[in-house]
Amino acid sequence: MSKLLLIEDNEMNRDMLTRRLERKGYEISIAVDGKDGVMKAKADNPDLILMDMSLPNIDGWEATRIIKGSQETRHIPVIALTSHAMAGDRERALEVGCDEYDTKPIDFFRLLTKIENLLPKKAA
């Protein structure tokens, strides 16, 4: 079972994504701000991180920079989840180290495809 870290401050988004991803067989850990997310990325060593970019304390842009700048967490794929859909936001997310980018409101099946494409393939 793959372990995902969901870093999201909006309770409704957290609940919806957690329930749907758990039904698909993923183990989910949660952080509600960027600072907690960076700490949980190091402690939990998830297979993938779903990163809201508009977070309290440390925003998702900076949290991603920290995660991707650390030897112990740089290997973890990060998908930016954001309502920032302006020109250049996707490029900005990739610049700070995100491996993929998805906009809110979340299209669950599109996000699921991106998650599956980024997860390390487990040996059968």
PDB file of N, CA and C in Angstrom:
ATOM      1  N   MET A   1       0.851  -1.180   0.000  1.00  0.00           N
ATOM      2  CA  MET A   1       0.000   0.000   0.000  1.00  0.00           C
ATOM      3  C   MET A   1       0.896   1.242   0.000  1.00  0.00           C
ATOM      4  N   SER A   2       0.631   2.165  -0.902  1.00  0.00           N
ATOM      5  CA  SER A   2       1.400   3.402  -0.974  1.00  0.00           C
ATOM      6  C   SER A   2       0.924   4.385   0.076  1.00  0.00           C
ATOM      7  N   LYS A   3       1.891   5.117   0.622  1.00  0.00           N
ATOM      8  CA  LYS A   3       1.613   6.091   1.671  1.00  0.00           C
ATOM      9  C   LYS A   3       1.708   7.497   1.078  1.00  0.00           C
ATOM     10  N   LEU A   4       0.622   8.267   1.212  1.00  0.00           N
ATOM     11  CA  LEU A   4       0.586   9.640   0.716  1.00  0.00           C
ATOM     12  C   LEU A   4       0.511  10.603   1.887  1.00  0.00           C
ATOM     13  N   LEU A   5       1.194  11.743   1.749  1.00  0.00           N
ATOM     14  CA  LEU A   5       1.084  12.829   2.717  1.00  0.00           C
ATOM     15  C   LEU A   5       0.271  13.935   2.057  1.00  0.00           C
ATOM     16  N   LEU A   6      -0.862  14.264   2.661  1.00  0.00           N
ATOM     17  CA  LEU A   6      -1.726  15.333   2.174  1.00  0.00           C
ATOM     18  C   LEU A   6      -1.492  16.558   3.049  1.00  0.00           C
ATOM     19  N   ILE A   7      -0.960  17.616   2.459  1.00  0.00           N
ATOM     20  CA  ILE A   7      -0.713  18.860   3.182  1.00  0.00           C
ATOM     21  C   ILE A   7      -1.757  19.860   2.686  1.00  0.00           C
ATOM     22  N   GLU A   8      -2.784  20.063   3.488  1.00  0.00           N
ATOM     23  CA  GLU A   8      -3.968  20.847   3.093  1.00  0.00           C
ATOM     24  C   GLU A   8      -4.584  21.487   4.324  1.00  0.00           C
ATOM     25  N   ASP A   9      -4.825  22.803   4.269  1.00  0.00           N
ATOM     26  CA  ASP A   9      -5.403  23.490   5.426  1.00  0.00           C
ATOM     27  C   ASP A   9      -6.922  23.538   5.401  1.00  0.00           C
ATOM     28  N   ASN A  10      -7.539  23.278   4.262  1.00  0.00           N
ATOM     29  CA  ASN A  10      -8.988  23.334   4.166  1.00  0.00           C
ATOM     30  C   ASN A  10      -9.578  21.984   4.585  1.00  0.00           C
ATOM     31  N   GLU A  11     -10.359  22.001   5.662  1.00  0.00           N
ATOM     32  CA  GLU A  11     -10.893  20.757   6.236  1.00  0.00           C
ATOM     33  C   GLU A  11     -11.753  19.982   5.252  1.00  0.00           C
ATOM     34  N   MET A  12     -12.588  20.674   4.491  1.00  0.00           N
ATOM     35  CA  MET A  12     -13.470  20.001   3.543  1.00  0.00           C
ATOM     36  C   MET A  12     -12.651  19.296   2.447  1.00  0.00           C
ATOM     37  N   ASN A  13     -11.629  19.976   1.926  1.00  0.00           N
ATOM     38  CA  ASN A  13     -10.763  19.355   0.919  1.00  0.00           C
ATOM     39  C   ASN A  13     -10.019  18.150   1.498  1.00  0.00           C
ATOM     40  N   ARG A  14      -9.511  18.299   2.727  1.00  0.00           N
ATOM     41  CA  ARG A  14      -8.801  17.193   3.392  1.00  0.00           C
ATOM     42  C   ARG A  14      -9.697  15.976   3.527  1.00  0.00           C
ATOM     43  N   ASP A  15     -10.901  16.192   4.057  1.00  0.00           N
ATOM     44  CA  ASP A  15     -11.822  15.078   4.281  1.00  0.00           C
ATOM     45  C   ASP A  15     -12.196  14.374   2.979  1.00  0.00           C
ATOM     46  N   MET A  16     -12.542  15.161   1.970  1.00  0.00           N
ATOM     47  CA  MET A  16     -12.955  14.587   0.691  1.00  0.00           C
ATOM     48  C   MET A  16     -11.822  13.782   0.066  1.00  0.00           C
ATOM     49  N   LEU A  17     -10.630  14.364   0.008  1.00  0.00           N
ATOM     50  CA  LEU A  17      -9.512  13.655  -0.611  1.00  0.00           C
ATOM     51  C   LEU A  17      -9.107  12.422   0.195  1.00  0.00           C
ATOM     52  N   THR A  18      -9.072  12.555   1.509  1.00  0.00           N
ATOM     53  CA  THR A  18      -8.695  11.421   2.352  1.00  0.00           C
ATOM     54  C   THR A  18      -9.637  10.252   2.138  1.00  0.00           C
ATOM     55  N   ARG A  19     -10.937  10.505   2.203  1.00  0.00           N
ATOM     56  CA  ARG A  19     -11.913   9.415   2.026  1.00  0.00           C
ATOM     57  C   ARG A  19     -11.772   8.741   0.667  1.00  0.00           C
ATOM     58  N   ARG A  20     -11.666   9.553  -0.376  1.00  0.00           N
ATOM     59  CA  ARG A  20     -11.608   8.988  -1.727  1.00  0.00           C
ATOM     60  C   ARG A  20     -10.304   8.234  -1.979  1.00  0.00           C
ATOM     61  N   LEU A  21      -9.201   8.760  -1.471  1.00  0.00           N
ATOM     62  CA  LEU A  21      -7.918   8.081  -1.665  1.00  0.00           C
ATOM     63  C   LEU A  21      -7.819   6.803  -0.834  1.00  0.00           C
ATOM     64  N   GLU A  22      -8.365   6.825   0.387  1.00  0.00           N
ATOM     65  CA  GLU A  22      -8.373   5.606   1.201  1.00  0.00           C
ATOM     66  C   GLU A  22      -9.204   4.519   0.526  1.00  0.00           C
ATOM     67  N   ARG A  23     -10.310   4.894  -0.111  1.00  0.00           N
ATOM     68  CA  ARG A  23     -11.125   3.911  -0.838  1.00  0.00           C
ATOM     69  C   ARG A  23     -10.357   3.289  -1.998  1.00  0.00           C
ATOM     70  N   LYS A  24      -9.386   4.024  -2.520  1.00  0.00           N
ATOM     71  CA  LYS A  24      -8.549   3.509  -3.614  1.00  0.00           C
ATOM     72  C   LYS A  24      -7.354   2.719  -3.084  1.00  0.00           C
ATOM     73  N   GLY A  25      -7.259   2.584  -1.757  1.00  0.00           N
ATOM     74  CA  GLY A  25      -6.230   1.740  -1.178  1.00  0.00           C
ATOM     75  C   GLY A  25      -4.986   2.457  -0.689  1.00  0.00           C
ATOM     76  N   TYR A  26      -4.998   3.775  -0.665  1.00  0.00           N
ATOM     77  CA  TYR A  26      -3.834   4.516  -0.189  1.00  0.00           C
ATOM     78  C   TYR A  26      -3.908   4.755   1.315  1.00  0.00           C
ATOM     79  N   GLU A  27      -2.751   4.746   1.959  1.00  0.00           N
ATOM     80  CA  GLU A  27      -2.635   5.135   3.360  1.00  0.00           C
ATOM     81  C   GLU A  27      -2.334   6.635   3.369  1.00  0.00           C
ATOM     82  N   ILE A  28      -3.120   7.409   4.135  1.00  0.00           N
ATOM     83  CA  ILE A  28      -3.002   8.869   4.107  1.00  0.00           C
ATOM     84  C   ILE A  28      -2.557   9.390   5.462  1.00  0.00           C
ATOM     85  N   SER A  29      -1.542  10.254   5.450  1.00  0.00           N
ATOM     86  CA  SER A  29      -1.224  11.049   6.630  1.00  0.00           C
ATOM     87  C   SER A  29      -1.486  12.504   6.254  1.00  0.00           C
ATOM     88  N   ILE A  30      -1.767  13.312   7.262  1.00  0.00           N
ATOM     89  CA  ILE A  30      -2.241  14.675   7.021  1.00  0.00           C
ATOM     90  C   ILE A  30      -1.406  15.689   7.778  1.00  0.00           C
ATOM     91  N   ALA A  31      -1.168  16.818   7.129  1.00  0.00           N
ATOM     92  CA  ALA A  31      -0.590  17.999   7.760  1.00  0.00           C
ATOM     93  C   ALA A  31      -1.469  19.182   7.361  1.00  0.00           C
ATOM     94  N   VAL A  32      -1.647  20.123   8.290  1.00  0.00           N
ATOM     95  CA  VAL A  32      -2.561  21.237   8.029  1.00  0.00           C
ATOM     96  C   VAL A  32      -1.850  22.550   7.720  1.00  0.00           C
ATOM     97  N   ASP A  33      -0.519  22.553   7.776  1.00  0.00           N
ATOM     98  CA  ASP A  33       0.228  23.739   7.361  1.00  0.00           C
ATOM     99  C   ASP A  33       1.586  23.307   6.822  1.00  0.00           C
ATOM    100  N   GLY A  34       2.295  24.239   6.217  1.00  0.00           N
ATOM    101  CA  GLY A  34       3.566  23.903   5.580  1.00  0.00           C
ATOM    102  C   GLY A  34       4.638  23.435   6.541  1.00  0.00           C
ATOM    103  N   LYS A  35       4.700  24.050   7.708  1.00  0.00           N
ATOM    104  CA  LYS A  35       5.715  23.672   8.698  1.00  0.00           C
ATOM    105  C   LYS A  35       5.516  22.223   9.147  1.00  0.00           C
ATOM    106  N   ASP A  36       4.275  21.873   9.491  1.00  0.00           N
ATOM    107  CA  ASP A  36       3.945  20.505   9.887  1.00  0.00           C
ATOM    108  C   ASP A  36       4.179  19.542   8.720  1.00  0.00           C
ATOM    109  N   GLY A  37       3.884  19.988   7.515  1.00  0.00           N
ATOM    110  CA  GLY A  37       4.080  19.154   6.331  1.00  0.00           C
ATOM    111  C   GLY A  37       5.539  18.790   6.114  1.00  0.00           C
ATOM    112  N   VAL A  38       6.439  19.760   6.289  1.00  0.00           N
ATOM    113  CA  VAL A  38       7.867  19.487   6.141  1.00  0.00           C
ATOM    114  C   VAL A  38       8.311  18.482   7.196  1.00  0.00           C
ATOM    115  N   MET A  39       7.863  18.662   8.438  1.00  0.00           N
ATOM    116  CA  MET A  39       8.233  17.735   9.517  1.00  0.00           C
ATOM    117  C   MET A  39       7.705  16.326   9.243  1.00  0.00           C
ATOM    118  N   LYS A  40       6.443  16.225   8.768  1.00  0.00           N
ATOM    119  CA  LYS A  40       5.865  14.901   8.493  1.00  0.00           C
ATOM    120  C   LYS A  40       6.510  14.241   7.273  1.00  0.00           C
ATOM    121  N   ALA A  41       6.939  15.038   6.301  1.00  0.00           N
ATOM    122  CA  ALA A  41       7.631  14.460   5.147  1.00  0.00           C
ATOM    123  C   ALA A  41       8.902  13.762   5.608  1.00  0.00           C
ATOM    124  N   LYS A  42       9.622  14.382   6.547  1.00  0.00           N
ATOM    125  CA  LYS A  42      10.856  13.790   7.069  1.00  0.00           C
ATOM    126  C   LYS A  42      10.561  12.593   7.967  1.00  0.00           C
ATOM    127  N   ALA A  43       9.555  12.703   8.817  1.00  0.00           N
ATOM    128  CA  ALA A  43       9.252  11.646   9.788  1.00  0.00           C
ATOM    129  C   ALA A  43       8.580  10.434   9.144  1.00  0.00           C
ATOM    130  N   ASP A  44       7.637  10.675   8.223  1.00  0.00           N
ATOM    131  CA  ASP A  44       6.820   9.596   7.660  1.00  0.00           C
ATOM    132  C   ASP A  44       7.402   8.970   6.395  1.00  0.00           C
ATOM    133  N   ASN A  45       8.292   9.693   5.700  1.00  0.00           N
ATOM    134  CA  ASN A  45       8.857   9.233   4.434  1.00  0.00           C
ATOM    135  C   ASN A  45       7.770   8.680   3.504  1.00  0.00           C
ATOM    136  N   PRO A  46       6.791   9.535   3.118  1.00  0.00           N
ATOM    137  CA  PRO A  46       5.703   9.060   2.255  1.00  0.00           C
ATOM    138  C   PRO A  46       6.200   8.745   0.844  1.00  0.00           C
ATOM    139  N   ASP A  47       5.389   8.013   0.111  1.00  0.00           N
ATOM    140  CA  ASP A  47       5.714   7.700  -1.279  1.00  0.00           C
ATOM    141  C   ASP A  47       5.430   8.873  -2.206  1.00  0.00           C
ATOM    142  N   LEU A  48       4.534   9.776  -1.775  1.00  0.00           N
ATOM    143  CA  LEU A  48       4.154  10.937  -2.589  1.00  0.00           C
ATOM    144  C   LEU A  48       3.519  11.978  -1.679  1.00  0.00           C
ATOM    145  N   ILE A  49       3.679  13.258  -2.048  1.00  0.00           N
ATOM    146  CA  ILE A  49       3.092  14.360  -1.279  1.00  0.00           C
ATOM    147  C   ILE A  49       2.124  15.129  -2.166  1.00  0.00           C
ATOM    148  N   LEU A  50       0.924  15.386  -1.629  1.00  0.00           N
ATOM    149  CA  LEU A  50      -0.047  16.281  -2.256  1.00  0.00           C
ATOM    150  C   LEU A  50       0.041  17.597  -1.488  1.00  0.00           C
ATOM    151  N   MET A  51       0.483  18.662  -2.153  1.00  0.00           N
ATOM    152  CA  MET A  51       0.830  19.917  -1.498  1.00  0.00           C
ATOM    153  C   MET A  51      -0.088  21.057  -1.936  1.00  0.00           C
ATOM    154  N   ASP A  52      -0.927  21.512  -0.994  1.00  0.00           N
ATOM    155  CA  ASP A  52      -1.667  22.749  -1.224  1.00  0.00           C
ATOM    156  C   ASP A  52      -0.633  23.873  -1.243  1.00  0.00           C
ATOM    157  N   MET A  53      -0.772  24.838  -2.125  1.00  0.00           N
ATOM    158  CA  MET A  53       0.232  25.888  -2.218  1.00  0.00           C
ATOM    159  C   MET A  53      -0.097  27.095  -1.336  1.00  0.00           C
ATOM    160  N   SER A  54      -1.342  27.247  -0.941  1.00  0.00           N
ATOM    161  CA  SER A  54      -1.749  28.368  -0.084  1.00  0.00           C
ATOM    162  C   SER A  54      -1.963  27.851   1.337  1.00  0.00           C
ATOM    163  N   LEU A  55      -0.885  27.821   2.106  1.00  0.00           N
ATOM    164  CA  LEU A  55      -0.914  27.264   3.457  1.00  0.00           C
ATOM    165  C   LEU A  55      -0.484  28.306   4.479  1.00  0.00           C
ATOM    166  N   PRO A  56      -0.940  28.154   5.728  1.00  0.00           N
ATOM    167  CA  PRO A  56      -0.454  29.031   6.794  1.00  0.00           C
ATOM    168  C   PRO A  56       0.955  28.632   7.244  1.00  0.00           C
ATOM    169  N   ASN A  57       1.593  29.509   7.992  1.00  0.00           N
ATOM    170  CA  ASN A  57       2.946  29.348   8.544  1.00  0.00           C
ATOM    171  C   ASN A  57       3.989  29.365   7.437  1.00  0.00           C
ATOM    172  N   ILE A  58       4.173  28.263   6.760  1.00  0.00           N
ATOM    173  CA  ILE A  58       5.050  28.207   5.586  1.00  0.00           C
ATOM    174  C   ILE A  58       4.145  27.823   4.419  1.00  0.00           C
ATOM    175  N   ASP A  59       4.134  28.627   3.356  1.00  0.00           N
ATOM    176  CA  ASP A  59       3.253  28.279   2.236  1.00  0.00           C
ATOM    177  C   ASP A  59       3.808  27.069   1.479  1.00  0.00           C
ATOM    178  N   GLY A  60       2.994  26.536   0.584  1.00  0.00           N
ATOM    179  CA  GLY A  60       3.373  25.342  -0.161  1.00  0.00           C
ATOM    180  C   GLY A  60       4.569  25.535  -1.065  1.00  0.00           C
ATOM    181  N   TRP A  61       4.766  26.753  -1.548  1.00  0.00           N
ATOM    182  CA  TRP A  61       5.920  27.047  -2.401  1.00  0.00           C
ATOM    183  C   TRP A  61       7.208  26.827  -1.603  1.00  0.00           C
ATOM    184  N   GLU A  62       7.262  27.424  -0.403  1.00  0.00           N
ATOM    185  CA  GLU A  62       8.455  27.319   0.434  1.00  0.00           C
ATOM    186  C   GLU A  62       8.602  25.910   1.013  1.00  0.00           C
ATOM    187  N   ALA A  63       7.498  25.294   1.426  1.00  0.00           N
ATOM    188  CA  ALA A  63       7.562  23.933   1.962  1.00  0.00           C
ATOM    189  C   ALA A  63       8.133  22.977   0.906  1.00  0.00           C
ATOM    190  N   THR A  64       7.734  23.144  -0.341  1.00  0.00           N
ATOM    191  CA  THR A  64       8.269  22.303  -1.419  1.00  0.00           C
ATOM    192  C   THR A  64       9.756  22.543  -1.596  1.00  0.00           C
ATOM    193  N   ARG A  65      10.178  23.815  -1.572  1.00  0.00           N
ATOM    194  CA  ARG A  65      11.608  24.131  -1.684  1.00  0.00           C
ATOM    195  C   ARG A  65      12.405  23.424  -0.584  1.00  0.00           C
ATOM    196  N   ILE A  66      11.876  23.449   0.646  1.00  0.00           N
ATOM    197  CA  ILE A  66      12.569  22.815   1.776  1.00  0.00           C
ATOM    198  C   ILE A  66      12.630  21.302   1.587  1.00  0.00           C
ATOM    199  N   ILE A  67      11.503  20.695   1.222  1.00  0.00           N
ATOM    200  CA  ILE A  67      11.448  19.238   1.026  1.00  0.00           C
ATOM    201  C   ILE A  67      12.389  18.806  -0.096  1.00  0.00           C
ATOM    202  N   LYS A  68      12.371  19.518  -1.198  1.00  0.00           N
ATOM    203  CA  LYS A  68      13.207  19.149  -2.340  1.00  0.00           C
ATOM    204  C   LYS A  68      14.674  19.537  -2.128  1.00  0.00           C
ATOM    205  N   GLY A  69      14.937  20.413  -1.168  1.00  0.00           N
ATOM    206  CA  GLY A  69      16.308  20.801  -0.861  1.00  0.00           C
ATOM    207  C   GLY A  69      16.974  19.916   0.175  1.00  0.00           C
ATOM    208  N   SER A  70      16.236  19.012   0.770  1.00  0.00           N
ATOM    209  CA  SER A  70      16.765  18.126   1.810  1.00  0.00           C
ATOM    210  C   SER A  70      17.145  16.782   1.212  1.00  0.00           C
ATOM    211  N   GLN A  71      18.332  16.322   1.550  1.00  0.00           N
ATOM    212  CA  GLN A  71      18.819  15.026   1.061  1.00  0.00           C
ATOM    213  C   GLN A  71      17.851  13.891   1.396  1.00  0.00           C
ATOM    214  N   GLU A  72      17.228  13.955   2.591  1.00  0.00           N
ATOM    215  CA  GLU A  72      16.378  12.840   3.031  1.00  0.00           C
ATOM    216  C   GLU A  72      14.988  12.836   2.407  1.00  0.00           C
ATOM    217  N   THR A  73      14.548  13.941   1.811  1.00  0.00           N
ATOM    218  CA  THR A  73      13.190  13.996   1.255  1.00  0.00           C
ATOM    219  C   THR A  73      13.128  14.380  -0.225  1.00  0.00           C
ATOM    220  N   ARG A  74      14.229  14.726  -0.835  1.00  0.00           N
ATOM    221  CA  ARG A  74      14.191  15.221  -2.231  1.00  0.00           C
ATOM    222  C   ARG A  74      13.663  14.208  -3.227  1.00  0.00           C
ATOM    223  N   HIS A  75      13.723  12.919  -2.882  1.00  0.00           N
ATOM    224  CA  HIS A  75      13.269  11.851  -3.791  1.00  0.00           C
ATOM    225  C   HIS A  75      11.742  11.717  -3.827  1.00  0.00           C
ATOM    226  N   ILE A  76      11.041  12.345  -2.875  1.00  0.00           N
ATOM    227  CA  ILE A  76       9.584  12.167  -2.776  1.00  0.00           C
ATOM    228  C   ILE A  76       8.890  13.039  -3.831  1.00  0.00           C
ATOM    229  N   PRO A  77       8.090  12.442  -4.714  1.00  0.00           N
ATOM    230  CA  PRO A  77       7.354  13.247  -5.696  1.00  0.00           C
ATOM    231  C   PRO A  77       6.333  14.143  -4.988  1.00  0.00           C
ATOM    232  N   VAL A  78       6.189  15.370  -5.509  1.00  0.00           N
ATOM    233  CA  VAL A  78       5.247  16.344  -4.962  1.00  0.00           C
ATOM    234  C   VAL A  78       4.308  16.802  -6.070  1.00  0.00           C
ATOM    235  N   ILE A  79       2.998  16.738  -5.785  1.00  0.00           N
ATOM    236  CA  ILE A  79       1.996  17.291  -6.703  1.00  0.00           C
ATOM    237  C   ILE A  79       1.442  18.550  -6.058  1.00  0.00           C
ATOM    238  N   ALA A  80       1.576  19.680  -6.763  1.00  0.00           N
ATOM    239  CA  ALA A  80       1.012  20.943  -6.297  1.00  0.00           C
ATOM    240  C   ALA A  80      -0.495  20.914  -6.516  1.00  0.00           C
ATOM    241  N   LEU A  81      -1.251  21.241  -5.464  1.00  0.00           N
ATOM    242  CA  LEU A  81      -2.706  21.381  -5.567  1.00  0.00           C
ATOM    243  C   LEU A  81      -3.016  22.851  -5.287  1.00  0.00           C
ATOM    244  N   THR A  82      -3.591  23.521  -6.261  1.00  0.00           N
ATOM    245  CA  THR A  82      -3.757  24.955  -6.080  1.00  0.00           C
ATOM    246  C   THR A  82      -4.917  25.523  -6.865  1.00  0.00           C
ATOM    247  N   SER A  83      -5.477  26.581  -6.327  1.00  0.00           N
ATOM    248  CA  SER A  83      -6.479  27.335  -7.070  1.00  0.00           C
ATOM    249  C   SER A  83      -5.794  28.407  -7.920  1.00  0.00           C
ATOM    250  N   HIS A  84      -4.459  28.481  -7.817  1.00  0.00           N
ATOM    251  CA  HIS A  84      -3.679  29.395  -8.661  1.00  0.00           C
ATOM    252  C   HIS A  84      -3.663  28.824 -10.070  1.00  0.00           C
ATOM    253  N   ALA A  85      -4.440  29.397 -10.930  1.00  0.00           N
ATOM    254  CA  ALA A  85      -4.509  28.882 -12.297  1.00  0.00           C
ATOM    255  C   ALA A  85      -4.153  29.981 -13.298  1.00  0.00           C
ATOM    256  N   MET A  86      -3.360  30.924 -12.845  1.00  0.00           N
ATOM    257  CA  MET A  86      -2.938  32.009 -13.718  1.00  0.00           C
ATOM    258  C   MET A  86      -1.789  31.536 -14.603  1.00  0.00           C
ATOM    259  N   ALA A  87      -1.566  32.256 -15.692  1.00  0.00           N
ATOM    260  CA  ALA A  87      -0.442  31.931 -16.565  1.00  0.00           C
ATOM    261  C   ALA A  87       0.842  31.968 -15.742  1.00  0.00           C
ATOM    262  N   GLY A  88       1.644  30.950 -15.883  1.00  0.00           N
ATOM    263  CA  GLY A  88       2.922  30.898 -15.183  1.00  0.00           C
ATOM    264  C   GLY A  88       2.895  30.158 -13.858  1.00  0.00           C
ATOM    265  N   ASP A  89       1.712  29.886 -13.295  1.00  0.00           N
ATOM    266  CA  ASP A  89       1.657  29.203 -11.992  1.00  0.00           C
ATOM    267  C   ASP A  89       2.163  27.765 -12.080  1.00  0.00           C
ATOM    268  N   ARG A  90       1.852  27.081 -13.160  1.00  0.00           N
ATOM    269  CA  ARG A  90       2.342  25.714 -13.332  1.00  0.00           C
ATOM    270  C   ARG A  90       3.863  25.719 -13.390  1.00  0.00           C
ATOM    271  N   GLU A  91       4.425  26.637 -14.167  1.00  0.00           N
ATOM    272  CA  GLU A  91       5.874  26.744 -14.294  1.00  0.00           C
ATOM    273  C   GLU A  91       6.510  27.089 -12.950  1.00  0.00           C
ATOM    274  N   ARG A  92       5.877  27.982 -12.201  1.00  0.00           N
ATOM    275  CA  ARG A  92       6.394  28.355 -10.881  1.00  0.00           C
ATOM    276  C   ARG A  92       6.424  27.135  -9.951  1.00  0.00           C
ATOM    277  N   ALA A  93       5.357  26.334  -9.978  1.00  0.00           N
ATOM    278  CA  ALA A  93       5.303  25.133  -9.140  1.00  0.00           C
ATOM    279  C   ALA A  93       6.420  24.160  -9.521  1.00  0.00           C
ATOM    280  N   LEU A  94       6.648  23.983 -10.802  1.00  0.00           N
ATOM    281  CA  LEU A  94       7.715  23.091 -11.246  1.00  0.00           C
ATOM    282  C   LEU A  94       9.089  23.653 -10.874  1.00  0.00           C
ATOM    283  N   GLU A  95       9.248  24.979 -10.935  1.00  0.00           N
ATOM    284  CA  GLU A  95      10.510  25.626 -10.562  1.00  0.00           C
ATOM    285  C   GLU A  95      10.885  25.378  -9.106  1.00  0.00           C
ATOM    286  N   VAL A  96       9.896  25.397  -8.190  1.00  0.00           N
ATOM    287  CA  VAL A  96      10.209  25.191  -6.773  1.00  0.00           C
ATOM    288  C   VAL A  96      10.419  23.719  -6.439  1.00  0.00           C
ATOM    289  N   GLY A  97      10.165  22.829  -7.404  1.00  0.00           N
ATOM    290  CA  GLY A  97      10.456  21.423  -7.196  1.00  0.00           C
ATOM    291  C   GLY A  97       9.289  20.469  -7.313  1.00  0.00           C
ATOM    292  N   CYS A  98       8.085  20.973  -7.548  1.00  0.00           N
ATOM    293  CA  CYS A  98       6.943  20.071  -7.721  1.00  0.00           C
ATOM    294  C   CYS A  98       7.156  19.216  -8.968  1.00  0.00           C
ATOM    295  N   ASP A  99       6.724  17.987  -8.896  1.00  0.00           N
ATOM    296  CA  ASP A  99       6.850  17.071 -10.024  1.00  0.00           C
ATOM    297  C   ASP A  99       5.634  17.131 -10.940  1.00  0.00           C
ATOM    298  N   GLU A 100       4.527  17.629 -10.396  1.00  0.00           N
ATOM    299  CA  GLU A 100       3.280  17.736 -11.154  1.00  0.00           C
ATOM    300  C   GLU A 100       2.452  18.845 -10.541  1.00  0.00           C
ATOM    301  N   TYR A 101       1.407  19.248 -11.246  1.00  0.00           N
ATOM    302  CA  TYR A 101       0.587  20.399 -10.872  1.00  0.00           C
ATOM    303  C   TYR A 101      -0.862  20.077 -11.193  1.00  0.00           C
ATOM    304  N   ASP A 102      -1.770  20.392 -10.264  1.00  0.00           N
ATOM    305  CA  ASP A 102      -3.187  20.187 -10.526  1.00  0.00           C
ATOM    306  C   ASP A 102      -3.975  21.323  -9.892  1.00  0.00           C
ATOM    307  N   THR A 103      -5.029  21.741 -10.569  1.00  0.00           N
ATOM    308  CA  THR A 103      -5.810  22.883 -10.096  1.00  0.00           C
ATOM    309  C   THR A 103      -7.048  22.434  -9.316  1.00  0.00           C
ATOM    310  N   LYS A 104      -7.488  23.342  -8.447  1.00  0.00           N
ATOM    311  CA  LYS A 104      -8.743  23.170  -7.705  1.00  0.00           C
ATOM    312  C   LYS A 104      -9.813  23.965  -8.430  1.00  0.00           C
ATOM    313  N   PRO A 105     -11.063  23.539  -8.387  1.00  0.00           N
ATOM    314  CA  PRO A 105     -11.537  22.333  -7.717  1.00  0.00           C
ATOM    315  C   PRO A 105     -10.927  21.089  -8.358  1.00  0.00           C
ATOM    316  N   ILE A 106     -10.690  20.098  -7.524  1.00  0.00           N
ATOM    317  CA  ILE A 106      -9.968  18.904  -7.942  1.00  0.00           C
ATOM    318  C   ILE A 106     -10.864  17.977  -8.755  1.00  0.00           C
ATOM    319  N   ASP A 107     -10.339  17.592  -9.908  1.00  0.00           N
ATOM    320  CA  ASP A 107     -10.934  16.518 -10.708  1.00  0.00           C
ATOM    321  C   ASP A 107     -10.262  15.240 -10.203  1.00  0.00           C
ATOM    322  N   PHE A 108     -10.973  14.458  -9.395  1.00  0.00           N
ATOM    323  CA  PHE A 108     -10.359  13.328  -8.693  1.00  0.00           C
ATOM    324  C   PHE A 108      -9.708  12.329  -9.640  1.00  0.00           C
ATOM    325  N   PHE A 109     -10.332  12.009 -10.739  1.00  0.00           N
ATOM    326  CA  PHE A 109      -9.786  10.992 -11.633  1.00  0.00           C
ATOM    327  C   PHE A 109      -8.542  11.502 -12.365  1.00  0.00           C
ATOM    328  N   ARG A 110      -8.498  12.788 -12.683  1.00  0.00           N
ATOM    329  CA  ARG A 110      -7.290  13.373 -13.275  1.00  0.00           C
ATOM    330  C   ARG A 110      -6.157  13.336 -12.250  1.00  0.00           C
ATOM    331  N   LEU A 111      -6.461  13.701 -10.984  1.00  0.00           N
ATOM    332  CA  LEU A 111      -5.456  13.669  -9.929  1.00  0.00           C
ATOM    333  C   LEU A 111      -4.968  12.244  -9.682  1.00  0.00           C
ATOM    334  N   LEU A 112      -5.878  11.299  -9.649  1.00  0.00           N
ATOM    335  CA  LEU A 112      -5.525   9.896  -9.438  1.00  0.00           C
ATOM    336  C   LEU A 112      -4.557   9.405 -10.514  1.00  0.00           C
ATOM    337  N   THR A 113      -4.778   9.791 -11.747  1.00  0.00           N
ATOM    338  CA  THR A 113      -3.880   9.423 -12.843  1.00  0.00           C
ATOM    339  C   THR A 113      -2.489   9.997 -12.605  1.00  0.00           C
ATOM    340  N   LYS A 114      -2.421  11.242 -12.161  1.00  0.00           N
ATOM    341  CA  LYS A 114      -1.117  11.867 -11.891  1.00  0.00           C
ATOM    342  C   LYS A 114      -0.417  11.176 -10.731  1.00  0.00           C
ATOM    343  N   ILE A 115      -1.161  10.819  -9.697  1.00  0.00           N
ATOM    344  CA  ILE A 115      -0.586  10.101  -8.554  1.00  0.00           C
ATOM    345  C   ILE A 115      -0.006   8.778  -9.027  1.00  0.00           C
ATOM    346  N   GLU A 116      -0.796   8.004  -9.761  1.00  0.00           N
ATOM    347  CA  GLU A 116      -0.358   6.685 -10.223  1.00  0.00           C
ATOM    348  C   GLU A 116       0.858   6.784 -11.137  1.00  0.00           C
ATOM    349  N   ASN A 117       0.938   7.834 -11.949  1.00  0.00           N
ATOM    350  CA  ASN A 117       2.079   8.005 -12.845  1.00  0.00           C
ATOM    351  C   ASN A 117       3.364   8.357 -12.101  1.00  0.00           C
ATOM    352  N   LEU A 118       3.236   9.006 -10.950  1.00  0.00           N
ATOM    353  CA  LEU A 118       4.418   9.433 -10.196  1.00  0.00           C
ATOM    354  C   LEU A 118       4.889   8.429  -9.143  1.00  0.00           C
ATOM    355  N   LEU A 119       3.988   7.558  -8.708  1.00  0.00           N
ATOM    356  CA  LEU A 119       4.379   6.603  -7.668  1.00  0.00           C
ATOM    357  C   LEU A 119       5.384   5.602  -8.208  1.00  0.00           C
ATOM    358  N   PRO A 120       6.376   5.269  -7.374  1.00  0.00           N
ATOM    359  CA  PRO A 120       7.316   4.230  -7.797  1.00  0.00           C
ATOM    360  C   PRO A 120       6.552   2.939  -8.054  1.00  0.00           C
ATOM    361  N   LYS A 121       6.904   2.277  -9.113  1.00  0.00           N
ATOM    362  CA  LYS A 121       6.235   1.014  -9.442  1.00  0.00           C
ATOM    363  C   LYS A 121       6.699  -0.063  -8.463  1.00  0.00           C
ATOM    364  N   LYS A 122       5.755  -0.663  -7.764  1.00  0.00           N
ATOM    365  CA  LYS A 122       6.068  -1.727  -6.800  1.00  0.00           C
ATOM    366  C   LYS A 122       6.246  -3.038  -7.551  1.00  0.00           C
ATOM    367  N   ALA A 123       7.200  -3.825  -7.113  1.00  0.00           N
ATOM    368  CA  ALA A 123       7.408  -5.136  -7.714  1.00  0.00           C
ATOM    369  C   ALA A 123       6.202  -6.023  -7.437  1.00  0.00           C
ATOM    370  N   ALA A 124       5.779  -6.751  -8.434  1.00  0.00           N
ATOM    371  CA  ALA A 124       4.587  -7.609  -8.287  1.00  0.00           C
ATOM    372  C   ALA A 124       4.894  -8.813  -7.426  1.00  0.00           C
TER     373      ALA A 124
END
